[in-house]
């Protein structure tokens, strides 16, 4: 079998119909399967998945313990495709998405890790200042686009990536201490980045493909300040945690130094935001707010005994 589409969903009933309908409309010239892990959902996710059972080559795995990466790891023994498309429950595939990934996998035999284009799909009109500046579109909406060709693994984003199954056969799995978790509102972001960098460290090369494209659903509440400041915090938390894991530096002098530097950044960002808002510069005020919450998360990751 050429392709496996793999994703986890937690309470995804609001977005799954659109995503699954787009997969059902695909014309794929290669054999493919879809594995969806129902991860501790309490809404109508199970019924939604059942309604597509006859329209898709679908296998549903129930994983009752919250945590996206643990849910994905539970599905790895079931993979049949030689290329695994790892995506999200709110990523709508464009027409010919599967054919495009099959083509890339055939044309780039020397690469084992792949990224694809991601565009935001807004369900409500975003603020003009946000669109004009593309305000942290990568971190907030996972927007991603690069030229066709070799790429750093860290530049691949989760809603649209592909992995040779041989990578998983080597025993490389997803890190369950990082990434989305339905029971933790302040989970560290960056699970796919951490995974891709680890794959790269094992000697696998990464390629960016411009053909396979998804539209990442952005719900109305995801445009509000509470959502994107939370993303800023969790992004800083994820970066700090990954640096901490990589360096394994937990000495008291380091913690004190990081805390001192981060506190200075926090104070600077907070004052910058207030000053810009007073001058009527909305974009700079939001940028200061983003930086404040990002450094707050980064500080927490560096200084907490445990996350």
C-alpha atoms as a PDB file:
ATOM      1  CA  UNK A   1       0.000   0.000   0.000  1.00  0.00           C
ATOM      2  CA  UNK A   2       1.361   3.407  -0.971  1.00  0.00           C
ATOM      3  CA  UNK A   3      -0.296   5.872   1.446  1.00  0.00           C
ATOM      4  CA  UNK A   4      -1.634   6.044   4.993  1.00  0.00           C
ATOM      5  CA  UNK A   5      -3.390   9.185   6.216  1.00  0.00           C
ATOM      6  CA  UNK A   6      -2.984   9.439   9.992  1.00  0.00           C
ATOM      7  CA  UNK A   7      -4.375  11.927  12.487  1.00  0.00           C
ATOM      8  CA  UNK A   8      -5.747  12.178  15.996  1.00  0.00           C
ATOM      9  CA  UNK A   9      -8.924  14.006  16.976  1.00  0.00           C
ATOM     10  CA  UNK A  10     -10.148  15.305  20.313  1.00  0.00           C
ATOM     11  CA  UNK A  11     -13.713  16.644  20.256  1.00  0.00           C
ATOM     12  CA  UNK A  12     -13.433  17.281  16.527  1.00  0.00           C
ATOM     13  CA  UNK A  13     -17.104  16.918  15.593  1.00  0.00           C
ATOM     14  CA  UNK A  14     -17.279  20.569  14.562  1.00  0.00           C
ATOM     15  CA  UNK A  15     -14.592  20.267  11.877  1.00  0.00           C
ATOM     16  CA  UNK A  16     -14.468  16.582  10.938  1.00  0.00           C
ATOM     17  CA  UNK A  17     -17.410  16.578   8.472  1.00  0.00           C
ATOM     18  CA  UNK A  18     -15.690  19.114   6.207  1.00  0.00           C
ATOM     19  CA  UNK A  19     -12.309  17.389   6.465  1.00  0.00           C
ATOM     20  CA  UNK A  20     -13.601  13.847   5.902  1.00  0.00           C
ATOM     21  CA  UNK A  21     -15.848  14.949   3.025  1.00  0.00           C
ATOM     22  CA  UNK A  22     -12.779  16.421   1.299  1.00  0.00           C
ATOM     23  CA  UNK A  23     -10.962  13.095   1.651  1.00  0.00           C
ATOM     24  CA  UNK A  24     -14.003  11.204   0.386  1.00  0.00           C
ATOM     25  CA  UNK A  25     -13.940  13.408  -2.728  1.00  0.00           C
ATOM     26  CA  UNK A  26     -10.281  12.597  -3.480  1.00  0.00           C
ATOM     27  CA  UNK A  27      -9.395  10.723  -6.643  1.00  0.00           C
ATOM     28  CA  UNK A  28      -6.362   8.662  -5.738  1.00  0.00           C
ATOM     29  CA  UNK A  29      -4.621   6.380  -8.229  1.00  0.00           C
ATOM     30  CA  UNK A  30      -2.730   4.552  -5.472  1.00  0.00           C
ATOM     31  CA  UNK A  31      -3.995   2.303  -2.714  1.00  0.00           C
ATOM     32  CA  UNK A  32      -4.505   4.231   0.493  1.00  0.00           C
ATOM     33  CA  UNK A  33      -5.934   3.950   3.984  1.00  0.00           C
ATOM     34  CA  UNK A  34      -6.978   6.379   6.691  1.00  0.00           C
ATOM     35  CA  UNK A  35      -6.376   5.828  10.402  1.00  0.00           C
ATOM     36  CA  UNK A  36      -8.071   8.233  12.809  1.00  0.00           C
ATOM     37  CA  UNK A  37      -7.444   8.033  16.547  1.00  0.00           C
ATOM     38  CA  UNK A  38     -10.404   9.186  18.629  1.00  0.00           C
ATOM     39  CA  UNK A  39      -8.537  10.702  21.556  1.00  0.00           C
ATOM     40  CA  UNK A  40     -10.719  11.014  24.665  1.00  0.00           C
ATOM     41  CA  UNK A  41     -13.532  12.812  22.813  1.00  0.00           C
ATOM     42  CA  UNK A  42     -16.708  13.645  24.702  1.00  0.00           C
ATOM     43  CA  UNK A  43     -18.690  15.164  21.814  1.00  0.00           C
ATOM     44  CA  UNK A  44     -20.193  13.557  18.692  1.00  0.00           C
ATOM     45  CA  UNK A  45     -16.791  12.639  17.208  1.00  0.00           C
ATOM     46  CA  UNK A  46     -17.461   8.881  17.282  1.00  0.00           C
ATOM     47  CA  UNK A  47     -20.801   9.234  15.485  1.00  0.00           C
ATOM     48  CA  UNK A  48     -19.227  11.514  12.879  1.00  0.00           C
ATOM     49  CA  UNK A  49     -16.475   8.999  12.157  1.00  0.00           C
ATOM     50  CA  UNK A  50     -19.028   6.183  11.944  1.00  0.00           C
ATOM     51  CA  UNK A  51     -21.011   8.131   9.355  1.00  0.00           C
ATOM     52  CA  UNK A  52     -18.013   8.096   6.987  1.00  0.00           C
ATOM     53  CA  UNK A  53     -17.168   4.422   7.431  1.00  0.00           C
ATOM     54  CA  UNK A  54     -18.693   3.464   4.086  1.00  0.00           C
ATOM     55  CA  UNK A  55     -17.170   6.386   2.171  1.00  0.00           C
ATOM     56  CA  UNK A  56     -13.534   6.080   3.245  1.00  0.00           C
ATOM     57  CA  UNK A  57     -10.947   3.293   3.758  1.00  0.00           C
ATOM     58  CA  UNK A  58     -11.200   4.191   7.417  1.00  0.00           C
ATOM     59  CA  UNK A  59      -9.918   2.538  10.578  1.00  0.00           C
ATOM     60  CA  UNK A  60     -10.846   4.193  13.876  1.00  0.00           C
ATOM     61  CA  UNK A  61      -8.707   3.632  16.951  1.00  0.00           C
ATOM     62  CA  UNK A  62     -10.023   4.615  20.377  1.00  0.00           C
ATOM     63  CA  UNK A  63      -7.425   6.041  22.741  1.00  0.00           C
ATOM     64  CA  UNK A  64      -9.132   7.203  25.938  1.00  0.00           C
ATOM     65  CA  UNK A  65      -6.102   8.884  27.564  1.00  0.00           C
ATOM     66  CA  UNK A  66      -5.773  12.540  26.525  1.00  0.00           C
ATOM     67  CA  UNK A  67      -2.677  13.481  24.537  1.00  0.00           C
ATOM     68  CA  UNK A  68      -2.233  13.761  20.766  1.00  0.00           C
ATOM     69  CA  UNK A  69       1.214  12.190  20.548  1.00  0.00           C
ATOM     70  CA  UNK A  70       0.291   9.237  22.733  1.00  0.00           C
ATOM     71  CA  UNK A  71      -2.742   8.727  20.490  1.00  0.00           C
ATOM     72  CA  UNK A  72      -0.599   8.787  17.341  1.00  0.00           C
ATOM     73  CA  UNK A  73       1.877   6.359  18.860  1.00  0.00           C
ATOM     74  CA  UNK A  74      -0.980   3.950  19.599  1.00  0.00           C
ATOM     75  CA  UNK A  75      -1.741   3.803  15.871  1.00  0.00           C
ATOM     76  CA  UNK A  76       1.816   3.248  14.612  1.00  0.00           C
ATOM     77  CA  UNK A  77       1.668  -0.585  14.750  1.00  0.00           C
ATOM     78  CA  UNK A  78      -1.323  -0.469  12.361  1.00  0.00           C
ATOM     79  CA  UNK A  79       0.368   1.445   9.546  1.00  0.00           C
ATOM     80  CA  UNK A  80       0.302  -0.253   6.138  1.00  0.00           C
ATOM     81  CA  UNK A  81       1.309   2.542   3.771  1.00  0.00           C
ATOM     82  CA  UNK A  82       4.930   3.004   2.752  1.00  0.00           C
ATOM     83  CA  UNK A  83       4.389   6.765   3.100  1.00  0.00           C
ATOM     84  CA  UNK A  84       2.456   8.123   6.074  1.00  0.00           C
ATOM     85  CA  UNK A  85       0.697  11.484   5.707  1.00  0.00           C
ATOM     86  CA  UNK A  86       0.485  12.934   9.212  1.00  0.00           C
ATOM     87  CA  UNK A  87      -2.122  15.690   9.469  1.00  0.00           C
ATOM     88  CA  UNK A  88      -4.772  17.211  11.757  1.00  0.00           C
ATOM     89  CA  UNK A  89      -8.520  16.878  12.158  1.00  0.00           C
ATOM     90  CA  UNK A  90      -8.996  20.514  11.054  1.00  0.00           C
ATOM     91  CA  UNK A  91      -6.816  20.394   7.905  1.00  0.00           C
ATOM     92  CA  UNK A  92      -8.913  20.242   4.724  1.00  0.00           C
ATOM     93  CA  UNK A  93      -7.039  18.602   1.831  1.00  0.00           C
ATOM     94  CA  UNK A  94      -7.092  20.273  -1.579  1.00  0.00           C
ATOM     95  CA  UNK A  95      -8.181  18.291  -4.668  1.00  0.00           C
ATOM     96  CA  UNK A  96      -5.572  15.711  -5.782  1.00  0.00           C
ATOM     97  CA  UNK A  97      -3.902  15.951  -2.380  1.00  0.00           C
ATOM     98  CA  UNK A  98      -3.290  12.205  -2.160  1.00  0.00           C
ATOM     99  CA  UNK A  99      -2.067  11.908  -5.757  1.00  0.00           C
ATOM    100  CA  UNK A 100       0.319  14.791  -5.134  1.00  0.00           C
ATOM    101  CA  UNK A 101       1.829  13.108  -2.078  1.00  0.00           C
ATOM    102  CA  UNK A 102       2.146   9.788  -3.902  1.00  0.00           C
ATOM    103  CA  UNK A 103       3.984  11.568  -6.723  1.00  0.00           C
ATOM    104  CA  UNK A 104       6.384  13.295  -4.323  1.00  0.00           C
ATOM    105  CA  UNK A 105       7.149  10.033  -2.535  1.00  0.00           C
ATOM    106  CA  UNK A 106       8.041   8.382  -5.859  1.00  0.00           C
ATOM    107  CA  UNK A 107      10.077  11.294  -7.227  1.00  0.00           C
ATOM    108  CA  UNK A 108      12.176  11.880  -4.094  1.00  0.00           C
ATOM    109  CA  UNK A 109      13.443   8.456  -3.020  1.00  0.00           C
ATOM    110  CA  UNK A 110      16.414   9.931  -1.128  1.00  0.00           C
ATOM    111  CA  UNK A 111      14.168  11.829   1.310  1.00  0.00           C
ATOM    112  CA  UNK A 112      12.223  10.338   4.213  1.00  0.00           C
ATOM    113  CA  UNK A 113      10.582  13.434   5.719  1.00  0.00           C
ATOM    114  CA  UNK A 114       8.354  15.869   3.843  1.00  0.00           C
ATOM    115  CA  UNK A 115       6.464  19.087   4.437  1.00  0.00           C
ATOM    116  CA  UNK A 116       3.600  20.563   2.430  1.00  0.00           C
ATOM    117  CA  UNK A 117       1.776  23.872   2.026  1.00  0.00           C
ATOM    118  CA  UNK A 118      -0.690  25.044   4.673  1.00  0.00           C
ATOM    119  CA  UNK A 119      -3.069  27.956   4.219  1.00  0.00           C
ATOM    120  CA  UNK A 120      -5.469  29.340   6.841  1.00  0.00           C
ATOM    121  CA  UNK A 121      -9.182  28.800   6.162  1.00  0.00           C
ATOM    122  CA  UNK A 122     -10.970  31.499   8.147  1.00  0.00           C
ATOM    123  CA  UNK A 123     -14.529  30.803   9.253  1.00  0.00           C
ATOM    124  CA  UNK A 124     -14.884  34.472  10.200  1.00  0.00           C
ATOM    125  CA  UNK A 125     -13.159  37.588   8.869  1.00  0.00           C
ATOM    126  CA  UNK A 126      -9.925  38.251  10.754  1.00  0.00           C
ATOM    127  CA  UNK A 127      -9.003  41.793  11.894  1.00  0.00           C
ATOM    128  CA  UNK A 128      -7.434  43.870   9.128  1.00  0.00           C
ATOM    129  CA  UNK A 129      -4.279  44.539  11.174  1.00  0.00           C
ATOM    130  CA  UNK A 130      -3.743  40.790  11.567  1.00  0.00           C
ATOM    131  CA  UNK A 131      -4.100  40.038   7.856  1.00  0.00           C
ATOM    132  CA  UNK A 132      -2.030  42.987   6.617  1.00  0.00           C
ATOM    133  CA  UNK A 133       0.902  42.028   8.832  1.00  0.00           C
ATOM    134  CA  UNK A 134       0.280  38.262   8.643  1.00  0.00           C
ATOM    135  CA  UNK A 135       0.672  38.522  12.399  1.00  0.00           C
ATOM    136  CA  UNK A 136       2.451  35.341  13.549  1.00  0.00           C
ATOM    137  CA  UNK A 137       0.481  33.319  10.989  1.00  0.00           C
ATOM    138  CA  UNK A 138       2.963  30.450  11.330  1.00  0.00           C
ATOM    139  CA  UNK A 139       2.665  30.165  15.104  1.00  0.00           C
ATOM    140  CA  UNK A 140      -1.072  30.894  15.398  1.00  0.00           C
ATOM    141  CA  UNK A 141      -2.492  29.229  12.272  1.00  0.00           C
ATOM    142  CA  UNK A 142       0.394  26.922  11.206  1.00  0.00           C
ATOM    143  CA  UNK A 143       0.634  28.741   7.848  1.00  0.00           C
ATOM    144  CA  UNK A 144       3.519  27.262   5.883  1.00  0.00           C
ATOM    145  CA  UNK A 145       4.948  27.762   2.386  1.00  0.00           C
ATOM    146  CA  UNK A 146       8.455  27.323   0.978  1.00  0.00           C
ATOM    147  CA  UNK A 147      10.101  26.714  -2.363  1.00  0.00           C
ATOM    148  CA  UNK A 148      10.139  23.173  -3.689  1.00  0.00           C
ATOM    149  CA  UNK A 149      13.291  21.419  -2.570  1.00  0.00           C
ATOM    150  CA  UNK A 150      15.403  20.414   0.444  1.00  0.00           C
ATOM    151  CA  UNK A 151      14.348  22.017   3.705  1.00  0.00           C
ATOM    152  CA  UNK A 152      15.321  22.108   7.353  1.00  0.00           C
ATOM    153  CA  UNK A 153      13.247  19.603   9.279  1.00  0.00           C
ATOM    154  CA  UNK A 154      12.256  22.277  11.796  1.00  0.00           C
ATOM    155  CA  UNK A 155      10.377  24.163   9.042  1.00  0.00           C
ATOM    156  CA  UNK A 156       7.833  21.356   8.566  1.00  0.00           C
ATOM    157  CA  UNK A 157       4.465  21.907  10.270  1.00  0.00           C
ATOM    158  CA  UNK A 158       2.097  19.279  11.616  1.00  0.00           C
ATOM    159  CA  UNK A 159      -1.107  19.830   9.614  1.00  0.00           C
ATOM    160  CA  UNK A 160       0.642  18.715   6.399  1.00  0.00           C
ATOM    161  CA  UNK A 161       3.662  16.439   6.601  1.00  0.00           C
ATOM    162  CA  UNK A 162       4.622  12.997   5.366  1.00  0.00           C
ATOM    163  CA  UNK A 163       7.009  10.397   6.746  1.00  0.00           C
ATOM    164  CA  UNK A 164       8.383   7.197   5.252  1.00  0.00           C
ATOM    165  CA  UNK A 165       7.142   4.262   7.295  1.00  0.00           C
ATOM    166  CA  UNK A 166      10.744   3.077   7.556  1.00  0.00           C
ATOM    167  CA  UNK A 167      11.300   5.973   9.990  1.00  0.00           C
ATOM    168  CA  UNK A 168       8.724   4.516  12.355  1.00  0.00           C
ATOM    169  CA  UNK A 169      10.052   1.020  11.713  1.00  0.00           C
ATOM    170  CA  UNK A 170      13.365   2.210  13.150  1.00  0.00           C
ATOM    171  CA  UNK A 171      11.577   2.868  16.434  1.00  0.00           C
ATOM    172  CA  UNK A 172      11.277   6.649  16.174  1.00  0.00           C
ATOM    173  CA  UNK A 173       7.980   7.708  17.758  1.00  0.00           C
ATOM    174  CA  UNK A 174       6.279  10.917  18.872  1.00  0.00           C
ATOM    175  CA  UNK A 175       7.364  12.530  22.149  1.00  0.00           C
ATOM    176  CA  UNK A 176       4.412  12.179  24.528  1.00  0.00           C
ATOM    177  CA  UNK A 177       5.617  14.927  26.882  1.00  0.00           C
ATOM    178  CA  UNK A 178       4.964  17.677  24.354  1.00  0.00           C
ATOM    179  CA  UNK A 179       2.104  18.680  22.087  1.00  0.00           C
ATOM    180  CA  UNK A 180      -1.703  19.039  22.234  1.00  0.00           C
ATOM    181  CA  UNK A 181      -3.444  17.516  25.212  1.00  0.00           C
ATOM    182  CA  UNK A 182      -7.154  17.837  25.860  1.00  0.00           C
ATOM    183  CA  UNK A 183      -6.596  17.727  29.621  1.00  0.00           C
ATOM    184  CA  UNK A 184      -3.922  20.472  29.669  1.00  0.00           C
ATOM    185  CA  UNK A 185      -4.735  23.949  28.361  1.00  0.00           C
ATOM    186  CA  UNK A 186      -1.092  25.004  28.721  1.00  0.00           C
ATOM    187  CA  UNK A 187       0.570  22.135  26.886  1.00  0.00           C
ATOM    188  CA  UNK A 188       3.966  22.915  25.282  1.00  0.00           C
ATOM    189  CA  UNK A 189       3.662  23.473  21.517  1.00  0.00           C
ATOM    190  CA  UNK A 190       6.071  22.141  18.922  1.00  0.00           C
ATOM    191  CA  UNK A 191       5.516  18.392  18.943  1.00  0.00           C
ATOM    192  CA  UNK A 192       5.942  17.978  15.182  1.00  0.00           C
ATOM    193  CA  UNK A 193       9.009  20.249  15.211  1.00  0.00           C
ATOM    194  CA  UNK A 194      10.594  18.150  17.935  1.00  0.00           C
ATOM    195  CA  UNK A 195       9.761  14.940  16.063  1.00  0.00           C
ATOM    196  CA  UNK A 196      11.077  16.196  12.707  1.00  0.00           C
ATOM    197  CA  UNK A 197      14.318  17.470  14.199  1.00  0.00           C
ATOM    198  CA  UNK A 198      14.870  14.127  15.913  1.00  0.00           C
ATOM    199  CA  UNK A 199      14.264  12.310  12.623  1.00  0.00           C
ATOM    200  CA  UNK A 200      16.789  14.614  10.949  1.00  0.00           C
ATOM    201  CA  UNK A 201      19.332  13.912  13.694  1.00  0.00           C
ATOM    202  CA  UNK A 202      19.028  10.211  12.813  1.00  0.00           C
ATOM    203  CA  UNK A 203      20.311  11.018   9.316  1.00  0.00           C
ATOM    204  CA  UNK A 204      17.042  11.368   7.399  1.00  0.00           C
ATOM    205  CA  UNK A 205      16.727  14.268   4.941  1.00  0.00           C
ATOM    206  CA  UNK A 206      13.715  16.582   4.564  1.00  0.00           C
ATOM    207  CA  UNK A 207      12.015  17.878   1.401  1.00  0.00           C
ATOM    208  CA  UNK A 208       9.334  20.542   0.928  1.00  0.00           C
ATOM    209  CA  UNK A 209       6.639  19.809  -1.661  1.00  0.00           C
ATOM    210  CA  UNK A 210       4.544  22.656  -3.053  1.00  0.00           C
ATOM    211  CA  UNK A 211       1.923  20.411  -4.670  1.00  0.00           C
ATOM    212  CA  UNK A 212       0.174  18.821  -1.652  1.00  0.00           C
ATOM    213  CA  UNK A 213      -1.868  21.560   0.044  1.00  0.00           C
ATOM    214  CA  UNK A 214      -4.257  21.797   2.959  1.00  0.00           C
ATOM    215  CA  UNK A 215      -6.426  24.595   4.290  1.00  0.00           C
ATOM    216  CA  UNK A 216      -6.225  24.819   8.071  1.00  0.00           C
ATOM    217  CA  UNK A 217      -9.596  25.696   9.592  1.00  0.00           C
ATOM    218  CA  UNK A 218      -9.499  28.782  11.818  1.00  0.00           C
ATOM    219  CA  UNK A 219     -12.575  29.036  14.037  1.00  0.00           C
ATOM    220  CA  UNK A 220     -13.909  32.464  15.086  1.00  0.00           C
ATOM    221  CA  UNK A 221     -12.639  32.209  18.667  1.00  0.00           C
ATOM    222  CA  UNK A 222      -9.132  31.550  17.349  1.00  0.00           C
ATOM    223  CA  UNK A 223      -8.920  35.144  16.132  1.00  0.00           C
ATOM    224  CA  UNK A 224      -9.391  36.663  19.584  1.00  0.00           C
ATOM    225  CA  UNK A 225      -6.661  37.969  21.870  1.00  0.00           C
ATOM    226  CA  UNK A 226      -7.155  35.265  24.550  1.00  0.00           C
ATOM    227  CA  UNK A 227      -6.475  32.542  21.972  1.00  0.00           C
ATOM    228  CA  UNK A 228      -3.373  33.961  20.343  1.00  0.00           C
ATOM    229  CA  UNK A 229      -1.803  35.080  23.634  1.00  0.00           C
ATOM    230  CA  UNK A 230      -2.303  31.511  24.846  1.00  0.00           C
ATOM    231  CA  UNK A 231      -0.582  30.298  21.667  1.00  0.00           C
ATOM    232  CA  UNK A 232       2.286  32.704  22.355  1.00  0.00           C
ATOM    233  CA  UNK A 233       2.679  31.306  25.869  1.00  0.00           C
ATOM    234  CA  UNK A 234       2.545  27.684  24.702  1.00  0.00           C
ATOM    235  CA  UNK A 235       4.952  28.378  21.845  1.00  0.00           C
ATOM    236  CA  UNK A 236       7.482  29.894  24.244  1.00  0.00           C
ATOM    237  CA  UNK A 237       6.877  26.986  26.606  1.00  0.00           C
ATOM    238  CA  UNK A 238       7.595  24.495  23.810  1.00  0.00           C
ATOM    239  CA  UNK A 239      10.771  26.242  22.651  1.00  0.00           C
ATOM    240  CA  UNK A 240      12.085  26.459  26.197  1.00  0.00           C
ATOM    241  CA  UNK A 241      11.263  22.831  26.910  1.00  0.00           C
ATOM    242  CA  UNK A 242      12.992  21.611  23.744  1.00  0.00           C
ATOM    243  CA  UNK A 243      16.092  23.638  24.543  1.00  0.00           C
ATOM    244  CA  UNK A 244      16.078  22.256  28.052  1.00  0.00           C
ATOM    245  CA  UNK A 245      15.735  18.675  26.843  1.00  0.00           C
ATOM    246  CA  UNK A 246      18.478  19.138  24.253  1.00  0.00           C
ATOM    247  CA  UNK A 247      20.956  20.713  26.640  1.00  0.00           C
ATOM    248  CA  UNK A 248      19.905  18.812  29.770  1.00  0.00           C
ATOM    249  CA  UNK A 249      21.035  21.815  31.778  1.00  0.00           C
ATOM    250  CA  UNK A 250      19.247  22.086  35.105  1.00  0.00           C
ATOM    251  CA  UNK A 251      21.912  23.601  37.339  1.00  0.00           C
ATOM    252  CA  UNK A 252      20.877  26.351  39.758  1.00  0.00           C
ATOM    253  CA  UNK A 253      23.244  28.996  38.275  1.00  0.00           C
ATOM    254  CA  UNK A 254      21.732  28.443  34.812  1.00  0.00           C
ATOM    255  CA  UNK A 255      18.197  28.660  36.157  1.00  0.00           C
ATOM    256  CA  UNK A 256      19.024  31.895  37.964  1.00  0.00           C
ATOM    257  CA  UNK A 257      20.646  33.394  34.863  1.00  0.00           C
ATOM    258  CA  UNK A 258      17.753  32.397  32.571  1.00  0.00           C
ATOM    259  CA  UNK A 259      15.219  33.707  35.071  1.00  0.00           C
ATOM    260  CA  UNK A 260      16.997  37.068  35.306  1.00  0.00           C
ATOM    261  CA  UNK A 261      17.231  37.478  31.526  1.00  0.00           C
ATOM    262  CA  UNK A 262      13.646  36.397  30.951  1.00  0.00           C
ATOM    263  CA  UNK A 263      12.280  38.727  33.615  1.00  0.00           C
ATOM    264  CA  UNK A 264      13.983  41.595  31.837  1.00  0.00           C
ATOM    265  CA  UNK A 265      12.404  40.541  28.536  1.00  0.00           C
ATOM    266  CA  UNK A 266       8.997  40.254  30.182  1.00  0.00           C
ATOM    267  CA  UNK A 267       9.207  43.748  31.658  1.00  0.00           C
ATOM    268  CA  UNK A 268      10.445  45.211  28.381  1.00  0.00           C
ATOM    269  CA  UNK A 269       7.677  43.565  26.326  1.00  0.00           C
ATOM    270  CA  UNK A 270       4.943  44.640  28.749  1.00  0.00           C
ATOM    271  CA  UNK A 271       6.082  48.270  28.719  1.00  0.00           C
ATOM    272  CA  UNK A 272       6.484  48.248  24.926  1.00  0.00           C
ATOM    273  CA  UNK A 273       2.927  46.995  24.506  1.00  0.00           C
ATOM    274  CA  UNK A 274       1.438  49.614  26.827  1.00  0.00           C
ATOM    275  CA  UNK A 275       3.474  52.421  25.218  1.00  0.00           C
ATOM    276  CA  UNK A 276       2.462  51.406  21.673  1.00  0.00           C
ATOM    277  CA  UNK A 277      -1.203  51.151  22.629  1.00  0.00           C
ATOM    278  CA  UNK A 278      -1.083  54.627  24.175  1.00  0.00           C
ATOM    279  CA  UNK A 279       0.343  55.967  20.895  1.00  0.00           C
ATOM    280  CA  UNK A 280      -2.431  54.278  18.932  1.00  0.00           C
ATOM    281  CA  UNK A 281      -0.164  51.737  17.184  1.00  0.00           C
ATOM    282  CA  UNK A 282      -2.322  48.618  17.422  1.00  0.00           C
ATOM    283  CA  UNK A 283       0.081  46.277  15.627  1.00  0.00           C
ATOM    284  CA  UNK A 284       3.065  47.169  17.803  1.00  0.00           C
ATOM    285  CA  UNK A 285       0.911  46.870  20.912  1.00  0.00           C
ATOM    286  CA  UNK A 286      -0.126  43.355  19.876  1.00  0.00           C
ATOM    287  CA  UNK A 287       3.483  42.463  19.061  1.00  0.00           C
ATOM    288  CA  UNK A 288       4.528  43.535  22.532  1.00  0.00           C
ATOM    289  CA  UNK A 289       1.718  41.469  24.013  1.00  0.00           C
ATOM    290  CA  UNK A 290       2.803  38.436  21.973  1.00  0.00           C
ATOM    291  CA  UNK A 291       6.417  38.825  23.128  1.00  0.00           C
ATOM    292  CA  UNK A 292       5.341  39.210  26.742  1.00  0.00           C
ATOM    293  CA  UNK A 293       3.378  35.954  26.784  1.00  0.00           C
ATOM    294  CA  UNK A 294       6.009  34.131  24.702  1.00  0.00           C
ATOM    295  CA  UNK A 295       8.758  34.997  27.180  1.00  0.00           C
ATOM    296  CA  UNK A 296       6.452  34.101  30.065  1.00  0.00           C
ATOM    297  CA  UNK A 297       6.117  30.586  28.609  1.00  0.00           C
ATOM    298  CA  UNK A 298       9.823  30.366  27.837  1.00  0.00           C
ATOM    299  CA  UNK A 299      10.668  31.365  31.412  1.00  0.00           C
ATOM    300  CA  UNK A 300       8.324  28.765  32.846  1.00  0.00           C
ATOM    301  CA  UNK A 301       9.878  26.029  30.700  1.00  0.00           C
ATOM    302  CA  UNK A 302      13.386  26.944  31.809  1.00  0.00           C
ATOM    303  CA  UNK A 303      12.696  27.318  35.502  1.00  0.00           C
ATOM    304  CA  UNK A 304      10.049  24.754  36.459  1.00  0.00           C
ATOM    305  CA  UNK A 305      11.323  21.608  38.115  1.00  0.00           C
ATOM    306  CA  UNK A 306       8.791  19.610  36.104  1.00  0.00           C
ATOM    307  CA  UNK A 307       6.320  20.408  33.312  1.00  0.00           C
END
